[in-house]
Amino acid sequence: LIGLNKHMKNLFAKHPMLRPMPVFIIAVFIGLYFPSALGGGHH
């Protein structure tokens, strides 16, 4: 968690507004094929 957080922060240091985009794209695919994994995961 800490290592990936630092890496993403450095990777998008010049364009922080783009930082959520890779996760958003992955969330779309997970939402289509394994929606229970989204959110807190209550389901």
All heavy atoms as atom14 arrays in JSON, in Angstrom:
{
  "sequence": "LIGLNKHMKNLFAKHPMLRPMPVFIIAVFIGLYFPSALGGGHH",
  "atom14_mask": [
    [1, 1, 1, 1, 1, 1, 1, 1, 0, 0, 0, 0, 0, 0],
    [1, 1, 1, 1, 1, 1, 1, 1, 0, 0, 0, 0, 0, 0],
    [1, 1, 1, 1, 0, 0, 0, 0, 0, 0, 0, 0, 0, 0],
    [1, 1, 1, 1, 1, 1, 1, 1, 0, 0, 0, 0, 0, 0],
    [1, 1, 1, 1, 1, 1, 1, 1, 0, 0, 0, 0, 0, 0],
    [1, 1, 1, 1, 1, 1, 1, 1, 1, 0, 0, 0, 0, 0],
    [1, 1, 1, 1, 1, 1, 1, 1, 1, 1, 0, 0, 0, 0],
    [1, 1, 1, 1, 1, 1, 1, 1, 0, 0, 0, 0, 0, 0],
    [1, 1, 1, 1, 1, 1, 1, 1, 1, 0, 0, 0, 0, 0],
    [1, 1, 1, 1, 1, 1, 1, 1, 0, 0, 0, 0, 0, 0],
    [1, 1, 1, 1, 1, 1, 1, 1, 0, 0, 0, 0, 0, 0],
    [1, 1, 1, 1, 1, 1, 1, 1, 1, 1, 1, 0, 0, 0],
    [1, 1, 1, 1, 1, 0, 0, 0, 0, 0, 0, 0, 0, 0],
    [1, 1, 1, 1, 1, 1, 1, 1, 1, 0, 0, 0, 0, 0],
    [1, 1, 1, 1, 1, 1, 1, 1, 1, 1, 0, 0, 0, 0],
    [1, 1, 1, 1, 1, 1, 1, 0, 0, 0, 0, 0, 0, 0],
    [1, 1, 1, 1, 1, 1, 1, 1, 0, 0, 0, 0, 0, 0],
    [1, 1, 1, 1, 1, 1, 1, 1, 0, 0, 0, 0, 0, 0],
    [1, 1, 1, 1, 1, 1, 1, 1, 1, 1, 1, 0, 0, 0],
    [1, 1, 1, 1, 1, 1, 1, 0, 0, 0, 0, 0, 0, 0],
    [1, 1, 1, 1, 1, 1, 1, 1, 0, 0, 0, 0, 0, 0],
    [1, 1, 1, 1, 1, 1, 1, 0, 0, 0, 0, 0, 0, 0],
    [1, 1, 1, 1, 1, 1, 1, 0, 0, 0, 0, 0, 0, 0],
    [1, 1, 1, 1, 1, 1, 1, 1, 1, 1, 1, 0, 0, 0],
    [1, 1, 1, 1, 1, 1, 1, 1, 0, 0, 0, 0, 0, 0],
    [1, 1, 1, 1, 1, 1, 1, 1, 0, 0, 0, 0, 0, 0],
    [1, 1, 1, 1, 1, 0, 0, 0, 0, 0, 0, 0, 0, 0],
    [1, 1, 1, 1, 1, 1, 1, 0, 0, 0, 0, 0, 0, 0],
    [1, 1, 1, 1, 1, 1, 1, 1, 1, 1, 1, 0, 0, 0],
    [1, 1, 1, 1, 1, 1, 1, 1, 0, 0, 0, 0, 0, 0],
    [1, 1, 1, 1, 0, 0, 0, 0, 0, 0, 0, 0, 0, 0],
    [1, 1, 1, 1, 1, 1, 1, 1, 0, 0, 0, 0, 0, 0],
    [1, 1, 1, 1, 1, 1, 1, 1, 1, 1, 1, 1, 0, 0],
    [1, 1, 1, 1, 1, 1, 1, 1, 1, 1, 1, 0, 0, 0],
    [1, 1, 1, 1, 1, 1, 1, 0, 0, 0, 0, 0, 0, 0],
    [1, 1, 1, 1, 1, 1, 0, 0, 0, 0, 0, 0, 0, 0],
    [1, 1, 1, 1, 1, 0, 0, 0, 0, 0, 0, 0, 0, 0],
    [1, 1, 1, 1, 1, 1, 1, 1, 0, 0, 0, 0, 0, 0],
    [1, 1, 1, 1, 0, 0, 0, 0, 0, 0, 0, 0, 0, 0],
    [1, 1, 1, 1, 0, 0, 0, 0, 0, 0, 0, 0, 0, 0],
    [1, 1, 1, 1, 0, 0, 0, 0, 0, 0, 0, 0, 0, 0],
    [1, 1, 1, 1, 1, 1, 1, 1, 1, 1, 0, 0, 0, 0],
    [1, 1, 1, 1, 1, 1, 1, 1, 1, 1, 0, 0, 0, 0]
  ],
  "atom14_positions": [
    [[0.83, -1.21, 0.0], [0.0, 0.0, 0.0], [0.86, 1.26, 0.0], [0.67, 2.16, -0.83], [-0.92, 0.0, 1.22], [-1.87, 1.2, 1.33], [-3.04, 1.04, 0.37], [-2.38, 1.36, 2.75], [0.0, 0.0, 0.0], [0.0, 0.0, 0.0], [0.0, 0.0, 0.0], [0.0, 0.0, 0.0], [0.0, 0.0, 0.0], [0.0, 0.0, 0.0]],
    [[1.83, 1.33, 0.91], [2.68, 2.52, 1.02], [3.58, 2.66, -0.2], [3.73, 3.75, -0.76], [3.52, 2.47, 2.31], [2.62, 2.38, 3.54], [4.42, 3.69, 2.4], [1.63, 3.5, 3.69], [0.0, 0.0, 0.0], [0.0, 0.0, 0.0], [0.0, 0.0, 0.0], [0.0, 0.0, 0.0], [0.0, 0.0, 0.0], [0.0, 0.0, 0.0]],
    [[4.16, 1.54, -0.63], [5.05, 1.59, -1.79], [4.33, 2.01, -3.06], [4.82, 2.86, -3.82], [0.0, 0.0, 0.0], [0.0, 0.0, 0.0], [0.0, 0.0, 0.0], [0.0, 0.0, 0.0], [0.0, 0.0, 0.0], [0.0, 0.0, 0.0], [0.0, 0.0, 0.0], [0.0, 0.0, 0.0], [0.0, 0.0, 0.0], [0.0, 0.0, 0.0]],
    [[3.16, 1.44, -3.31], [2.4, 1.78, -4.51], [1.89, 3.21, -4.45], [1.87, 3.92, -5.47], [1.23, 0.81, -4.68], [0.44, 0.9, -5.98], [1.34, 0.68, -7.18], [-0.7, -0.11, -5.98], [0.0, 0.0, 0.0], [0.0, 0.0, 0.0], [0.0, 0.0, 0.0], [0.0, 0.0, 0.0], [0.0, 0.0, 0.0], [0.0, 0.0, 0.0]],
    [[1.51, 3.66, -3.26], [1.03, 5.04, -3.1], [2.14, 6.04, -3.44], [1.91, 7.03, -4.14], [0.56, 5.25, -1.66], [-0.24, 6.53, -1.5], [-1.1, 6.84, -2.29], [0.07, 7.28, -0.45], [0.0, 0.0, 0.0], [0.0, 0.0, 0.0], [0.0, 0.0, 0.0], [0.0, 0.0, 0.0], [0.0, 0.0, 0.0], [0.0, 0.0, 0.0]],
    [[3.35, 5.78, -2.97], [4.49, 6.65, -3.28], [4.81, 6.62, -4.77], [5.11, 7.65, -5.39], [5.71, 6.24, -2.46], [5.63, 6.56, -0.98], [6.9, 6.17, -0.27], [6.84, 6.54, 1.21], [8.07, 6.12, 1.93], [0.0, 0.0, 0.0], [0.0, 0.0, 0.0], [0.0, 0.0, 0.0], [0.0, 0.0, 0.0], [0.0, 0.0, 0.0]],
    [[4.76, 5.42, -5.35], [5.08, 5.29, -6.77], [4.09, 6.06, -7.64], [4.5, 6.79, -8.56], [5.07, 3.81, -7.17], [5.31, 3.58, -8.63], [6.54, 3.76, -9.22], [4.45, 3.19, -9.62], [6.45, 3.5, -10.52], [5.2, 3.15, -10.78], [0.0, 0.0, 0.0], [0.0, 0.0, 0.0], [0.0, 0.0, 0.0], [0.0, 0.0, 0.0]],
    [[2.81, 5.94, -7.35], [1.8, 6.65, -8.12], [1.91, 8.16, -7.93], [1.71, 8.94, -8.87], [0.41, 6.17, -7.72], [0.1, 4.75, -8.13], [-0.21, 4.58, -9.9], [-1.89, 5.23, -9.99], [0.0, 0.0, 0.0], [0.0, 0.0, 0.0], [0.0, 0.0, 0.0], [0.0, 0.0, 0.0], [0.0, 0.0, 0.0], [0.0, 0.0, 0.0]],
    [[2.24, 8.58, -6.71], [2.4, 10.01, -6.44], [3.55, 10.58, -7.26], [3.45, 11.67, -7.83], [2.65, 10.23, -4.95], [2.66, 11.7, -4.53], [2.99, 11.84, -3.06], [1.92, 11.24, -2.19], [2.19, 11.47, -0.74], [0.0, 0.0, 0.0], [0.0, 0.0, 0.0], [0.0, 0.0, 0.0], [0.0, 0.0, 0.0], [0.0, 0.0, 0.0]],
    [[4.66, 9.84, -7.34], [5.81, 10.3, -8.13], [5.53, 10.23, -9.63], [5.94, 11.1, -10.4], [7.04, 9.46, -7.79], [7.51, 9.66, -6.36], [7.29, 10.71, -5.77], [8.15, 8.65, -5.79], [0.0, 0.0, 0.0], [0.0, 0.0, 0.0], [0.0, 0.0, 0.0], [0.0, 0.0, 0.0], [0.0, 0.0, 0.0], [0.0, 0.0, 0.0]],
    [[4.82, 9.17, -10.03], [4.54, 8.97, -11.46], [3.68, 10.08, -12.04], [3.88, 10.52, -13.17], [3.86, 7.61, -11.66], [3.63, 7.15, -13.1], [4.97, 6.96, -13.81], [2.83, 5.86, -13.12], [0.0, 0.0, 0.0], [0.0, 0.0, 0.0], [0.0, 0.0, 0.0], [0.0, 0.0, 0.0], [0.0, 0.0, 0.0], [0.0, 0.0, 0.0]],
    [[2.73, 10.57, -11.22], [1.82, 11.61, -11.7], [2.07, 12.94, -10.98], [1.13, 13.73, -10.82], [0.37, 11.17, -11.48], [-0.06, 10.01, -12.33], [-0.01, 8.72, -11.83], [-0.48, 10.21, -13.63], [-0.4, 7.64, -12.61], [-0.86, 9.13, -14.42], [-0.81, 7.84, -13.91], [0.0, 0.0, 0.0], [0.0, 0.0, 0.0], [0.0, 0.0, 0.0]],
    [[3.32, 13.16, -10.6], [3.65, 14.39, -9.87], [3.36, 15.64, -10.7], [2.89, 16.65, -10.17], [5.12, 14.37, -9.46], [0.0, 0.0, 0.0], [0.0, 0.0, 0.0], [0.0, 0.0, 0.0], [0.0, 0.0, 0.0], [0.0, 0.0, 0.0], [0.0, 0.0, 0.0], [0.0, 0.0, 0.0], [0.0, 0.0, 0.0], [0.0, 0.0, 0.0]],
    [[3.61, 15.58, -12.0], [3.39, 16.74, -12.86], [1.94, 16.87, -13.32], [1.51, 17.96, -13.7], [4.31, 16.66, -14.08], [5.8, 16.78, -13.73], [6.64, 16.77, -14.99], [8.12, 16.94, -14.66], [8.96, 16.91, -15.88], [0.0, 0.0, 0.0], [0.0, 0.0, 0.0], [0.0, 0.0, 0.0], [0.0, 0.0, 0.0], [0.0, 0.0, 0.0]],
    [[1.2, 15.75, -13.28], [-0.2, 15.78, -13.72], [-1.06, 15.02, -12.7], [-1.58, 13.93, -13.0], [-0.34, 15.15, -15.11], [0.53, 15.78, -16.14], [0.27, 17.01, -16.71], [1.7, 15.34, -16.71], [1.21, 17.3, -17.59], [2.1, 16.31, -17.61], [0.0, 0.0, 0.0], [0.0, 0.0, 0.0], [0.0, 0.0, 0.0], [0.0, 0.0, 0.0]],
    [[-1.22, 15.56, -11.5], [-1.94, 14.83, -10.44], [-3.4, 14.54, -10.78], [-3.96, 13.58, -10.26], [-1.83, 15.78, -9.23], [-1.55, 17.13, -9.81], [-0.75, 16.88, -11.04], [0.0, 0.0, 0.0], [0.0, 0.0, 0.0], [0.0, 0.0, 0.0], [0.0, 0.0, 0.0], [0.0, 0.0, 0.0], [0.0, 0.0, 0.0], [0.0, 0.0, 0.0]],
    [[-4.01, 15.35, -11.65], [-5.41, 15.11, -11.99], [-5.59, 13.82, -12.8], [-6.7, 13.27, -12.87], [-5.97, 16.29, -12.78], [-6.02, 17.59, -12.01], [-7.06, 17.48, -10.54], [-8.66, 17.3, -11.3], [0.0, 0.0, 0.0], [0.0, 0.0, 0.0], [0.0, 0.0, 0.0], [0.0, 0.0, 0.0], [0.0, 0.0, 0.0], [0.0, 0.0, 0.0]],
    [[-4.52, 13.32, -13.41], [-4.6, 12.07, -14.18], [-4.38, 10.84, -13.31], [-4.56, 9.71, -13.78], [-3.58, 12.09, -15.31], [-3.74, 13.19, -16.37], [-2.62, 13.08, -17.41], [-5.11, 13.08, -17.04], [0.0, 0.0, 0.0], [0.0, 0.0, 0.0], [0.0, 0.0, 0.0], [0.0, 0.0, 0.0], [0.0, 0.0, 0.0], [0.0, 0.0, 0.0]],
    [[-3.98, 11.04, -12.08], [-3.63, 9.92, -11.2], [-4.76, 8.91, -11.0], [-4.52, 7.7, -10.98], [-3.15, 10.47, -9.86], [-2.64, 9.44, -8.88], [-2.07, 10.12, -7.66], [-1.86, 9.21, -6.56], [-1.5, 9.58, -5.34], [-1.29, 10.85, -5.08], [-1.35, 8.68, -4.39], [0.0, 0.0, 0.0], [0.0, 0.0, 0.0], [0.0, 0.0, 0.0]],
    [[-6.03, 9.32, -10.88], [-7.1, 8.33, -10.68], [-7.49, 7.54, -11.93], [-8.2, 6.55, -11.82], [-8.29, 9.17, -10.2], [-7.74, 10.51, -9.85], [-6.54, 10.7, -10.71], [0.0, 0.0, 0.0], [0.0, 0.0, 0.0], [0.0, 0.0, 0.0], [0.0, 0.0, 0.0], [0.0, 0.0, 0.0], [0.0, 0.0, 0.0], [0.0, 0.0, 0.0]],
    [[-7.04, 7.99, -13.11], [-7.54, 7.4, -14.36], [-7.23, 5.91, -14.51], [-8.12, 5.14, -14.89], [-7.01, 8.19, -15.56], [-7.57, 9.6, -15.66], [-9.39, 9.64, -15.59], [-9.79, 8.7, -17.06], [0.0, 0.0, 0.0], [0.0, 0.0, 0.0], [0.0, 0.0, 0.0], [0.0, 0.0, 0.0], [0.0, 0.0, 0.0], [0.0, 0.0, 0.0]],
    [[-6.0, 5.44, -14.24], [-5.74, 3.99, -14.39], [-6.64, 3.16, -13.48], [-7.15, 2.11, -13.9], [-4.26, 3.86, -13.99], [-3.68, 5.2, -14.21], [-4.76, 6.17, -13.89], [0.0, 0.0, 0.0], [0.0, 0.0, 0.0], [0.0, 0.0, 0.0], [0.0, 0.0, 0.0], [0.0, 0.0, 0.0], [0.0, 0.0, 0.0], [0.0, 0.0, 0.0]],
    [[-6.86, 3.63, -12.26], [-7.71, 2.89, -11.33], [-9.16, 2.9, -11.81], [-9.87, 1.9, -11.71], [-7.62, 3.5, -9.91], [-8.46, 2.7, -8.93], [-6.17, 3.52, -9.45], [0.0, 0.0, 0.0], [0.0, 0.0, 0.0], [0.0, 0.0, 0.0], [0.0, 0.0, 0.0], [0.0, 0.0, 0.0], [0.0, 0.0, 0.0], [0.0, 0.0, 0.0]],
    [[-9.59, 4.04, -12.35], [-10.96, 4.12, -12.87], [-11.18, 3.13, -14.0], [-12.22, 2.45, -14.06], [-11.24, 5.55, -13.35], [-12.58, 5.73, -13.99], [-13.73, 5.78, -13.22], [-12.7, 5.83, -15.36], [-14.97, 5.92, -13.81], [-13.93, 5.97, -15.96], [-15.08, 6.03, -15.18], [0.0, 0.0, 0.0], [0.0, 0.0, 0.0], [0.0, 0.0, 0.0]],
    [[-10.21, 3.02, -14.9], [-10.33, 2.1, -16.03], [-10.42, 0.66, -15.53], [-11.24, -0.15, -16.0], [-9.15, 2.28, -17.0], [-9.21, 3.67, -17.65], [-9.15, 1.19, -18.07], [-7.98, 4.04, -18.43], [0.0, 0.0, 0.0], [0.0, 0.0, 0.0], [0.0, 0.0, 0.0], [0.0, 0.0, 0.0], [0.0, 0.0, 0.0], [0.0, 0.0, 0.0]],
    [[-9.56, 0.32, -14.56], [-9.59, -1.04, -14.0], [-10.92, -1.29, -13.29], [-11.49, -2.39, -13.37], [-8.4, -1.24, -13.04], [-7.09, -1.24, -13.84], [-8.54, -2.53, -12.25], [-5.86, -1.3, -12.98], [0.0, 0.0, 0.0], [0.0, 0.0, 0.0], [0.0, 0.0, 0.0], [0.0, 0.0, 0.0], [0.0, 0.0, 0.0], [0.0, 0.0, 0.0]],
    [[-11.42, -0.27, -12.59], [-12.71, -0.41, -11.88], [-13.84, -0.72, -12.85], [-14.78, -1.46, -12.5], [-13.0, 0.86, -11.09], [0.0, 0.0, 0.0], [0.0, 0.0, 0.0], [0.0, 0.0, 0.0], [0.0, 0.0, 0.0], [0.0, 0.0, 0.0], [0.0, 0.0, 0.0], [0.0, 0.0, 0.0], [0.0, 0.0, 0.0], [0.0, 0.0, 0.0]],
    [[-13.79, -0.16, -14.05], [-14.83, -0.43, -15.06], [-14.85, -1.92, -15.4], [-15.91, -2.56, -15.43], [-14.59, 0.42, -16.32], [-15.52, -0.04, -17.44], [-14.8, 1.89, -16.02], [0.0, 0.0, 0.0], [0.0, 0.0, 0.0], [0.0, 0.0, 0.0], [0.0, 0.0, 0.0], [0.0, 0.0, 0.0], [0.0, 0.0, 0.0], [0.0, 0.0, 0.0]],
    [[-13.66, -2.51, -15.64], [-13.59, -3.93, -16.0], [-14.0, -4.82, -14.83], [-14.7, -5.82, -15.01], [-12.18, -4.28, -16.47], [-11.88, -3.78, -17.86], [-11.18, -2.6, -18.04], [-12.3, -4.49, -18.97], [-10.9, -2.13, -19.32], [-12.03, -4.03, -20.25], [-11.33, -2.84, -20.42], [0.0, 0.0, 0.0], [0.0, 0.0, 0.0], [0.0, 0.0, 0.0]],
    [[-13.57, -4.45, -13.61], [-13.98, -5.23, -12.44], [-15.48, -5.13, -12.23], [-16.15, -6.1, -11.86], [-13.21, -4.76, -11.19], [-11.73, -5.13, -11.32], [-13.79, -5.37, -9.92], [-10.88, -4.72, -10.14], [0.0, 0.0, 0.0], [0.0, 0.0, 0.0], [0.0, 0.0, 0.0], [0.0, 0.0, 0.0], [0.0, 0.0, 0.0], [0.0, 0.0, 0.0]],
    [[-16.04, -3.92, -12.47], [-17.47, -3.75, -12.33], [-18.26, -4.6, -13.31], [-19.37, -5.04, -13.02], [0.0, 0.0, 0.0], [0.0, 0.0, 0.0], [0.0, 0.0, 0.0], [0.0, 0.0, 0.0], [0.0, 0.0, 0.0], [0.0, 0.0, 0.0], [0.0, 0.0, 0.0], [0.0, 0.0, 0.0], [0.0, 0.0, 0.0], [0.0, 0.0, 0.0]],
    [[-17.69, -4.86, -14.49], [-18.37, -5.68, -15.49], [-18.29, -7.16, -15.19], [-19.24, -7.91, -15.41], [-17.78, -5.39, -16.88], [-18.06, -4.01, -17.48], [-17.26, -3.82, -18.77], [-19.55, -3.83, -17.74], [0.0, 0.0, 0.0], [0.0, 0.0, 0.0], [0.0, 0.0, 0.0], [0.0, 0.0, 0.0], [0.0, 0.0, 0.0], [0.0, 0.0, 0.0]],
    [[-17.12, -7.61, -14.68], [-16.88, -9.04, -14.54], [-16.87, -9.54, -13.1], [-17.03, -10.74, -12.86], [-15.56, -9.41, -15.23], [-15.56, -9.11, -16.7], [-14.88, -8.01, -17.22], [-16.27, -9.91, -17.6], [-14.89, -7.72, -18.58], [-16.29, -9.64, -18.96], [-15.6, -8.54, -19.44], [-15.63, -8.26, -20.77], [0.0, 0.0, 0.0], [0.0, 0.0, 0.0]],
    [[-16.63, -8.65, -12.12], [-16.58, -9.08, -10.72], [-17.03, -7.93, -9.83], [-16.27, -7.42, -9.02], [-15.15, -9.52, -10.36], [-15.07, -10.31, -9.09], [-16.08, -11.17, -8.71], [-13.96, -10.18, -8.27], [-16.0, -11.9, -7.54], [-13.86, -10.9, -7.09], [-14.88, -11.77, -6.73], [0.0, 0.0, 0.0], [0.0, 0.0, 0.0], [0.0, 0.0, 0.0]],
    [[-18.28, -7.48, -9.99], [-18.74, -6.26, -9.31], [-18.69, -6.33, -7.79], [-18.62, -5.29, -7.14], [-20.18, -6.1, -9.82], [-20.59, -7.45, -10.28], [-19.35, -8.1, -10.8], [0.0, 0.0, 0.0], [0.0, 0.0, 0.0], [0.0, 0.0, 0.0], [0.0, 0.0, 0.0], [0.0, 0.0, 0.0], [0.0, 0.0, 0.0], [0.0, 0.0, 0.0]],
    [[-18.73, -7.52, -7.22], [-18.7, -7.64, -5.76], [-17.41, -7.11, -5.16], [-17.37, -6.77, -3.98], [-18.9, -9.1, -5.35], [-20.16, -9.58, -5.74], [0.0, 0.0, 0.0], [0.0, 0.0, 0.0], [0.0, 0.0, 0.0], [0.0, 0.0, 0.0], [0.0, 0.0, 0.0], [0.0, 0.0, 0.0], [0.0, 0.0, 0.0], [0.0, 0.0, 0.0]],
    [[-16.34, -7.04, -5.96], [-15.05, -6.57, -5.45], [-14.98, -5.06, -5.33], [-14.04, -4.53, -4.74], [-13.92, -7.06, -6.35], [0.0, 0.0, 0.0], [0.0, 0.0, 0.0], [0.0, 0.0, 0.0], [0.0, 0.0, 0.0], [0.0, 0.0, 0.0], [0.0, 0.0, 0.0], [0.0, 0.0, 0.0], [0.0, 0.0, 0.0], [0.0, 0.0, 0.0]],
    [[-15.97, -4.36, -5.9], [-15.95, -2.9, -5.83], [-16.43, -2.43, -4.46], [-17.05, -3.16, -3.71], [-16.84, -2.31, -6.91], [-16.43, -2.57, -8.36], [-17.45, -1.97, -9.31], [-15.05, -1.98, -8.63], [0.0, 0.0, 0.0], [0.0, 0.0, 0.0], [0.0, 0.0, 0.0], [0.0, 0.0, 0.0], [0.0, 0.0, 0.0], [0.0, 0.0, 0.0]],
    [[-16.14, -1.18, -4.17], [-16.58, -0.59, -2.91], [-15.96, -1.28, -1.71], [-14.85, -1.79, -1.77], [0.0, 0.0, 0.0], [0.0, 0.0, 0.0], [0.0, 0.0, 0.0], [0.0, 0.0, 0.0], [0.0, 0.0, 0.0], [0.0, 0.0, 0.0], [0.0, 0.0, 0.0], [0.0, 0.0, 0.0], [0.0, 0.0, 0.0], [0.0, 0.0, 0.0]],
    [[-16.7, -1.26, -0.6], [-16.19, -1.91, 0.61], [-16.15, -3.41, 0.48], [-15.39, -4.07, 1.18], [0.0, 0.0, 0.0], [0.0, 0.0, 0.0], [0.0, 0.0, 0.0], [0.0, 0.0, 0.0], [0.0, 0.0, 0.0], [0.0, 0.0, 0.0], [0.0, 0.0, 0.0], [0.0, 0.0, 0.0], [0.0, 0.0, 0.0], [0.0, 0.0, 0.0]],
    [[-16.97, -3.97, -0.41], [-16.97, -5.41, -0.61], [-17.97, -6.16, 0.26], [-17.79, -7.35, 0.54], [0.0, 0.0, 0.0], [0.0, 0.0, 0.0], [0.0, 0.0, 0.0], [0.0, 0.0, 0.0], [0.0, 0.0, 0.0], [0.0, 0.0, 0.0], [0.0, 0.0, 0.0], [0.0, 0.0, 0.0], [0.0, 0.0, 0.0], [0.0, 0.0, 0.0]],
    [[-19.04, -5.48, 0.69], [-20.03, -6.12, 1.56], [-20.58, -7.41, 0.95], [-20.8, -8.4, 1.66], [-21.21, -5.16, 1.82], [-20.82, -3.9, 2.51], [-20.04, -2.93, 1.9], [-21.09, -3.44, 3.76], [-19.86, -1.92, 2.74], [-20.48, -2.2, 3.87], [0.0, 0.0, 0.0], [0.0, 0.0, 0.0], [0.0, 0.0, 0.0], [0.0, 0.0, 0.0]],
    [[-20.78, -7.4, -0.38], [-21.41, -8.56, -1.02], [-20.48, -9.78, -1.02], [-20.96, -10.91, -1.17], [-21.82, -8.21, -2.45], [-22.8, -7.09, -2.53], [-24.09, -7.2, -2.06], [-22.7, -5.82, -3.02], [-24.75, -6.07, -2.24], [-23.92, -5.22, -2.82], [0.0, 0.0, 0.0], [0.0, 0.0, 0.0], [0.0, 0.0, 0.0], [0.0, 0.0, 0.0]]
  ]
}
